[in-house]
N, C-alpha and C. Protein backbone atom coordinates (compact mmCIF):
# COMPACT_ATOMS: atom_id res chain seq x y z
N UNK A 1 18.73 23.36 -38.66
CA UNK A 1 17.48 22.73 -39.03
C UNK A 1 16.84 22.04 -37.82
N UNK A 2 17.62 21.28 -37.06
CA UNK A 2 17.09 20.60 -35.88
C UNK A 2 16.56 21.59 -34.86
N UNK A 3 17.26 22.71 -34.68
CA UNK A 3 16.82 23.67 -33.68
C UNK A 3 15.47 24.29 -34.04
N UNK A 4 15.17 24.44 -35.32
CA UNK A 4 13.86 24.95 -35.73
C UNK A 4 12.76 23.97 -35.32
N UNK A 5 12.99 22.68 -35.59
CA UNK A 5 12.02 21.66 -35.19
C UNK A 5 11.89 21.59 -33.68
N UNK A 6 12.99 21.65 -32.97
CA UNK A 6 12.96 21.58 -31.51
C UNK A 6 12.17 22.75 -30.94
N UNK A 7 12.33 23.93 -31.50
CA UNK A 7 11.59 25.10 -31.03
C UNK A 7 10.10 24.93 -31.29
N UNK A 8 9.73 24.40 -32.45
CA UNK A 8 8.31 24.16 -32.75
C UNK A 8 7.71 23.17 -31.76
N UNK A 9 8.44 22.12 -31.44
CA UNK A 9 7.95 21.14 -30.47
C UNK A 9 7.82 21.78 -29.10
N UNK A 10 8.83 22.52 -28.69
CA UNK A 10 8.81 23.18 -27.39
C UNK A 10 7.59 24.10 -27.25
N UNK A 11 7.27 24.84 -28.30
CA UNK A 11 6.14 25.78 -28.27
C UNK A 11 4.79 25.08 -28.34
N UNK A 12 4.78 23.83 -28.82
CA UNK A 12 3.50 23.14 -29.02
C UNK A 12 3.04 22.33 -27.81
N UNK A 13 3.89 22.17 -26.81
CA UNK A 13 3.49 21.37 -25.65
C UNK A 13 3.22 22.27 -24.45
N UNK A 14 2.29 21.84 -23.62
CA UNK A 14 1.91 22.66 -22.48
C UNK A 14 2.73 22.35 -21.22
N UNK A 15 3.35 21.18 -21.18
CA UNK A 15 4.15 20.80 -20.00
C UNK A 15 5.47 21.58 -20.01
N UNK A 16 6.02 21.81 -18.83
CA UNK A 16 7.32 22.49 -18.77
C UNK A 16 8.39 21.65 -19.46
N UNK A 17 9.21 22.28 -20.24
CA UNK A 17 10.31 21.57 -20.89
C UNK A 17 11.44 22.55 -21.14
N UNK A 18 12.60 21.99 -21.40
CA UNK A 18 13.76 22.79 -21.74
C UNK A 18 14.32 22.26 -23.05
N UNK A 19 14.39 23.11 -24.03
CA UNK A 19 14.91 22.76 -25.34
C UNK A 19 16.43 22.90 -25.30
N UNK A 20 17.14 21.77 -25.27
CA UNK A 20 18.59 21.77 -25.18
C UNK A 20 19.28 21.71 -26.54
N UNK A 21 18.51 21.75 -27.60
CA UNK A 21 19.06 21.60 -28.94
C UNK A 21 20.12 22.67 -29.23
N UNK A 22 21.35 22.22 -29.43
CA UNK A 22 22.44 23.12 -29.76
C UNK A 22 22.96 23.94 -28.59
N UNK A 23 22.53 23.63 -27.37
CA UNK A 23 22.90 24.44 -26.21
C UNK A 23 23.83 23.73 -25.24
N UNK A 24 24.25 22.52 -25.57
CA UNK A 24 25.11 21.77 -24.66
C UNK A 24 26.28 21.17 -25.42
N UNK A 25 27.34 20.88 -24.68
CA UNK A 25 28.42 20.09 -25.26
C UNK A 25 28.19 18.64 -24.85
N UNK A 26 29.04 17.72 -25.27
CA UNK A 26 28.81 16.30 -25.03
C UNK A 26 28.85 15.95 -23.54
N UNK A 27 29.71 16.61 -22.77
CA UNK A 27 29.78 16.34 -21.33
C UNK A 27 28.50 16.79 -20.64
N UNK A 28 28.01 17.98 -20.99
CA UNK A 28 26.78 18.48 -20.41
C UNK A 28 25.59 17.61 -20.80
N UNK A 29 25.54 17.21 -22.06
CA UNK A 29 24.45 16.35 -22.52
C UNK A 29 24.47 15.02 -21.78
N UNK A 30 25.63 14.44 -21.59
CA UNK A 30 25.75 13.19 -20.85
C UNK A 30 25.22 13.34 -19.43
N UNK A 31 25.57 14.44 -18.77
CA UNK A 31 25.09 14.68 -17.40
C UNK A 31 23.57 14.84 -17.37
N UNK A 32 23.02 15.53 -18.35
CA UNK A 32 21.56 15.69 -18.42
C UNK A 32 20.90 14.33 -18.63
N UNK A 33 21.43 13.55 -19.56
CA UNK A 33 20.85 12.24 -19.85
C UNK A 33 20.87 11.32 -18.64
N UNK A 34 21.95 11.38 -17.86
CA UNK A 34 22.07 10.52 -16.68
C UNK A 34 20.98 10.79 -15.66
N UNK A 35 20.38 11.98 -15.68
CA UNK A 35 19.31 12.31 -14.74
C UNK A 35 17.93 12.13 -15.36
N UNK A 36 17.87 11.70 -16.61
CA UNK A 36 16.61 11.57 -17.33
C UNK A 36 15.93 10.24 -17.05
N UNK A 37 14.63 10.22 -17.23
CA UNK A 37 13.84 9.00 -17.06
C UNK A 37 13.83 8.19 -18.35
N UNK A 38 13.77 8.89 -19.49
CA UNK A 38 13.72 8.22 -20.79
C UNK A 38 14.23 9.20 -21.84
N UNK A 39 14.78 8.65 -22.92
CA UNK A 39 15.19 9.47 -24.07
C UNK A 39 14.36 9.03 -25.26
N UNK A 40 13.77 9.99 -25.95
CA UNK A 40 13.06 9.75 -27.20
C UNK A 40 13.65 10.70 -28.23
N UNK A 41 14.14 10.17 -29.34
CA UNK A 41 14.73 11.05 -30.33
C UNK A 41 14.95 10.37 -31.66
N UNK A 42 15.52 11.12 -32.56
CA UNK A 42 15.79 10.60 -33.90
C UNK A 42 17.10 9.83 -33.92
N UNK A 43 17.47 9.39 -35.10
CA UNK A 43 18.68 8.57 -35.27
C UNK A 43 19.93 9.44 -35.25
N UNK A 44 20.35 9.80 -34.06
CA UNK A 44 21.52 10.65 -33.93
C UNK A 44 22.36 10.30 -32.72
N UNK A 45 23.42 11.03 -32.55
CA UNK A 45 24.35 10.81 -31.47
C UNK A 45 23.76 10.82 -30.07
N UNK A 46 22.84 11.75 -29.75
CA UNK A 46 22.27 11.74 -28.40
C UNK A 46 21.60 10.42 -28.03
N UNK A 47 20.98 9.74 -28.98
CA UNK A 47 20.37 8.44 -28.69
C UNK A 47 21.41 7.40 -28.32
N UNK A 48 22.53 7.42 -29.00
CA UNK A 48 23.61 6.49 -28.67
C UNK A 48 24.18 6.80 -27.28
N UNK A 49 24.32 8.08 -26.99
CA UNK A 49 24.82 8.49 -25.68
C UNK A 49 23.84 8.09 -24.58
N UNK A 50 22.54 8.28 -24.83
CA UNK A 50 21.52 7.89 -23.84
C UNK A 50 21.58 6.39 -23.56
N UNK A 51 21.69 5.60 -24.60
CA UNK A 51 21.80 4.14 -24.40
C UNK A 51 23.07 3.80 -23.65
N UNK A 52 24.15 4.50 -23.94
CA UNK A 52 25.43 4.25 -23.28
C UNK A 52 25.36 4.53 -21.78
N UNK A 53 24.68 5.63 -21.40
CA UNK A 53 24.59 5.95 -19.97
C UNK A 53 23.53 5.12 -19.27
N UNK A 54 22.79 4.31 -20.03
CA UNK A 54 21.89 3.32 -19.43
C UNK A 54 20.46 3.73 -19.19
N UNK A 55 20.01 4.83 -19.79
CA UNK A 55 18.60 5.18 -19.61
C UNK A 55 17.78 4.55 -20.73
N UNK A 56 16.49 4.29 -20.48
CA UNK A 56 15.63 3.76 -21.54
C UNK A 56 15.67 4.69 -22.75
N UNK A 57 15.85 4.11 -23.92
CA UNK A 57 16.04 4.89 -25.14
C UNK A 57 15.10 4.40 -26.22
N UNK A 58 14.31 5.32 -26.78
CA UNK A 58 13.43 5.04 -27.91
C UNK A 58 13.91 5.91 -29.06
N UNK A 59 14.44 5.26 -30.10
CA UNK A 59 14.99 5.99 -31.24
C UNK A 59 14.09 5.81 -32.45
N UNK A 60 13.86 6.89 -33.17
CA UNK A 60 13.02 6.87 -34.37
C UNK A 60 13.93 6.85 -35.58
N UNK A 61 13.76 5.82 -36.42
CA UNK A 61 14.62 5.62 -37.57
C UNK A 61 13.82 5.59 -38.87
N UNK A 62 14.43 6.06 -39.93
CA UNK A 62 13.84 5.94 -41.26
C UNK A 62 14.22 4.56 -41.81
N UNK A 63 13.81 4.31 -43.01
CA UNK A 63 14.11 3.03 -43.64
C UNK A 63 15.28 3.09 -44.61
N UNK A 64 16.13 4.09 -44.48
CA UNK A 64 17.26 4.22 -45.40
C UNK A 64 18.20 3.02 -45.29
N UNK A 65 18.44 2.58 -44.06
CA UNK A 65 19.36 1.46 -43.83
C UNK A 65 18.62 0.27 -43.23
N UNK A 66 19.26 -0.88 -43.29
CA UNK A 66 18.69 -2.09 -42.72
C UNK A 66 18.56 -1.93 -41.20
N UNK A 67 17.52 -2.54 -40.62
CA UNK A 67 17.42 -2.52 -39.15
C UNK A 67 18.63 -3.20 -38.52
N UNK A 68 19.05 -2.68 -37.39
CA UNK A 68 20.15 -3.28 -36.65
C UNK A 68 21.53 -2.79 -37.03
N UNK A 69 21.62 -1.89 -37.99
CA UNK A 69 22.93 -1.40 -38.43
C UNK A 69 23.37 -0.18 -37.62
N UNK A 70 22.50 0.81 -37.46
CA UNK A 70 22.88 2.08 -36.86
C UNK A 70 22.20 2.37 -35.53
N UNK A 71 21.30 1.52 -35.06
CA UNK A 71 20.57 1.78 -33.84
C UNK A 71 21.47 1.73 -32.60
N UNK A 72 21.10 2.49 -31.57
CA UNK A 72 21.82 2.38 -30.30
C UNK A 72 21.67 0.97 -29.73
N UNK A 73 22.72 0.45 -29.13
CA UNK A 73 22.68 -0.88 -28.55
C UNK A 73 22.49 -0.78 -27.05
N UNK A 74 21.83 -1.76 -26.49
CA UNK A 74 21.62 -1.83 -25.05
C UNK A 74 20.32 -2.53 -24.75
N UNK A 75 20.24 -3.13 -23.57
CA UNK A 75 19.03 -3.88 -23.24
C UNK A 75 17.84 -2.97 -22.97
N UNK A 76 18.08 -1.68 -22.80
CA UNK A 76 16.99 -0.72 -22.60
C UNK A 76 16.86 0.23 -23.78
N UNK A 77 17.15 -0.27 -24.96
CA UNK A 77 17.09 0.55 -26.16
C UNK A 77 16.22 -0.14 -27.21
N UNK A 78 15.35 0.62 -27.82
CA UNK A 78 14.48 0.09 -28.87
C UNK A 78 14.38 1.14 -29.98
N UNK A 79 14.19 0.64 -31.19
CA UNK A 79 14.03 1.54 -32.34
C UNK A 79 12.62 1.39 -32.90
N UNK A 80 12.11 2.50 -33.40
CA UNK A 80 10.80 2.51 -34.04
C UNK A 80 11.01 2.89 -35.49
N UNK A 81 10.48 2.07 -36.39
CA UNK A 81 10.56 2.35 -37.82
C UNK A 81 9.27 1.92 -38.48
N UNK A 82 8.96 2.54 -39.59
CA UNK A 82 7.81 2.12 -40.39
C UNK A 82 8.26 1.00 -41.33
N UNK A 83 7.40 0.02 -41.48
CA UNK A 83 7.71 -1.07 -42.41
C UNK A 83 7.15 -0.67 -43.78
N UNK A 84 8.05 -0.47 -44.72
CA UNK A 84 7.66 -0.06 -46.07
C UNK A 84 8.41 -0.92 -47.08
N UNK A 85 7.79 -1.22 -48.23
CA UNK A 85 8.42 -2.12 -49.19
C UNK A 85 9.69 -1.58 -49.85
N UNK A 86 9.89 -0.29 -49.82
CA UNK A 86 11.05 0.30 -50.49
C UNK A 86 12.29 0.35 -49.60
N UNK A 87 12.17 -0.14 -48.38
CA UNK A 87 13.29 -0.09 -47.43
C UNK A 87 14.09 -1.38 -47.48
N UNK A 88 15.40 -1.32 -47.40
CA UNK A 88 16.24 -0.13 -47.32
C UNK A 88 16.57 0.41 -48.71
N UNK A 89 16.46 1.69 -48.87
CA UNK A 89 16.75 2.30 -50.18
C UNK A 89 18.18 2.82 -50.27
N UNK A 90 18.80 3.08 -49.11
CA UNK A 90 20.16 3.61 -49.01
C UNK A 90 20.32 5.00 -49.64
N UNK A 91 19.22 5.70 -49.83
CA UNK A 91 19.25 7.04 -50.42
C UNK A 91 19.46 8.07 -49.31
N UNK A 92 20.66 8.57 -49.19
CA UNK A 92 21.01 9.48 -48.10
C UNK A 92 20.47 10.90 -48.27
N UNK A 93 20.28 11.36 -49.49
CA UNK A 93 19.93 12.77 -49.66
C UNK A 93 18.46 13.03 -49.97
N UNK A 94 17.78 12.12 -50.64
CA UNK A 94 16.38 12.36 -50.98
C UNK A 94 15.69 11.03 -51.25
N UNK A 95 14.42 10.98 -50.92
CA UNK A 95 13.63 9.77 -51.15
C UNK A 95 13.49 9.53 -52.65
N UNK A 96 13.89 8.35 -53.14
CA UNK A 96 13.79 8.07 -54.57
C UNK A 96 12.35 8.08 -55.08
N UNK A 97 11.39 7.80 -54.19
CA UNK A 97 9.98 7.79 -54.60
C UNK A 97 9.29 9.12 -54.34
N UNK A 98 9.96 9.99 -53.59
CA UNK A 98 9.38 11.29 -53.27
C UNK A 98 8.31 11.24 -52.19
N UNK A 99 8.16 10.12 -51.50
CA UNK A 99 7.11 10.00 -50.49
C UNK A 99 7.62 10.12 -49.06
N UNK A 100 8.87 9.76 -48.82
CA UNK A 100 9.45 9.71 -47.47
C UNK A 100 8.60 8.87 -46.53
N UNK A 101 7.93 7.85 -47.09
CA UNK A 101 7.02 7.00 -46.32
C UNK A 101 7.72 6.32 -45.15
N UNK A 102 9.00 6.01 -45.29
CA UNK A 102 9.71 5.29 -44.24
C UNK A 102 9.83 6.09 -42.95
N UNK A 103 9.72 7.40 -43.03
CA UNK A 103 9.75 8.22 -41.82
C UNK A 103 8.38 8.83 -41.54
N UNK A 104 7.66 9.19 -42.57
CA UNK A 104 6.33 9.78 -42.37
C UNK A 104 5.33 8.78 -41.79
N UNK A 105 5.53 7.50 -42.05
CA UNK A 105 4.60 6.47 -41.56
C UNK A 105 4.91 5.99 -40.15
N UNK A 106 5.94 6.52 -39.52
CA UNK A 106 6.19 6.23 -38.11
C UNK A 106 5.09 6.96 -37.34
N UNK A 107 4.35 6.22 -36.52
CA UNK A 107 3.22 6.84 -35.84
C UNK A 107 3.56 7.24 -34.40
N UNK A 108 2.90 8.28 -33.96
CA UNK A 108 3.03 8.72 -32.58
C UNK A 108 2.59 7.59 -31.64
N UNK A 109 1.55 6.86 -32.04
CA UNK A 109 1.05 5.76 -31.22
C UNK A 109 2.14 4.71 -30.99
N UNK A 110 2.85 4.33 -32.05
CA UNK A 110 3.91 3.32 -31.91
C UNK A 110 5.04 3.84 -31.03
N UNK A 111 5.42 5.09 -31.19
CA UNK A 111 6.47 5.67 -30.35
C UNK A 111 6.01 5.67 -28.90
N UNK A 112 4.78 6.08 -28.66
CA UNK A 112 4.23 6.12 -27.30
C UNK A 112 4.18 4.72 -26.69
N UNK A 113 3.74 3.73 -27.46
CA UNK A 113 3.69 2.35 -26.96
C UNK A 113 5.07 1.84 -26.58
N UNK A 114 6.07 2.17 -27.38
CA UNK A 114 7.44 1.75 -27.07
C UNK A 114 7.96 2.46 -25.82
N UNK A 115 7.59 3.73 -25.65
CA UNK A 115 7.98 4.46 -24.43
C UNK A 115 7.35 3.80 -23.20
N UNK A 116 6.07 3.48 -23.30
CA UNK A 116 5.40 2.80 -22.18
C UNK A 116 6.08 1.48 -21.87
N UNK A 117 6.38 0.72 -22.91
CA UNK A 117 7.03 -0.58 -22.73
C UNK A 117 8.39 -0.42 -22.04
N UNK A 118 9.20 0.51 -22.50
CA UNK A 118 10.52 0.70 -21.92
C UNK A 118 10.43 1.17 -20.47
N UNK A 119 9.48 2.03 -20.17
CA UNK A 119 9.33 2.51 -18.79
C UNK A 119 8.85 1.39 -17.88
N UNK A 120 7.92 0.57 -18.35
CA UNK A 120 7.46 -0.58 -17.56
C UNK A 120 8.60 -1.56 -17.33
N UNK A 121 9.35 -1.83 -18.38
CA UNK A 121 10.46 -2.78 -18.30
C UNK A 121 11.50 -2.31 -17.28
N UNK A 122 11.89 -1.07 -17.34
CA UNK A 122 12.93 -0.59 -16.43
C UNK A 122 12.40 -0.44 -15.02
N UNK A 123 11.15 -0.06 -14.88
CA UNK A 123 10.56 0.05 -13.55
C UNK A 123 10.53 -1.32 -12.87
N UNK A 124 10.14 -2.35 -13.61
CA UNK A 124 10.10 -3.71 -13.06
C UNK A 124 11.48 -4.17 -12.66
N UNK A 125 12.48 -3.87 -13.46
CA UNK A 125 13.85 -4.30 -13.15
C UNK A 125 14.39 -3.57 -11.93
N UNK A 126 13.99 -2.34 -11.74
CA UNK A 126 14.48 -1.56 -10.62
C UNK A 126 13.83 -2.02 -9.31
N UNK A 127 12.54 -2.33 -9.35
CA UNK A 127 11.82 -2.64 -8.12
C UNK A 127 11.86 -4.12 -7.75
N UNK A 128 12.22 -5.02 -8.62
CA UNK A 128 12.22 -6.46 -8.30
C UNK A 128 13.53 -6.90 -7.72
């Protein structure tokens, strides 16, 4: 399922990119992340690995669980979530309301703003 989404994203952008979804093992992924400027992704293992290797990490989370429970930890890690009244619902398999608002309401603008913030923050720390 993830590889289908990754392929759609890869085909929709004009900048050069490499879709690594399902093509690396954990050691290879760690090496790739260590050379990266920033990681942006969903609530999964690669985000935790990115935070662990110390690169700026922006993780997109749904409202299934309380904030601060599953997010990657680190001073260069931030999570983006939509604030919705039904969160946390703890519904792992399907949205009880049928709206999936907790993930659908995450905006590209908010993700982009957090990416800018993390890049500014790390750039300042590196150059000062």
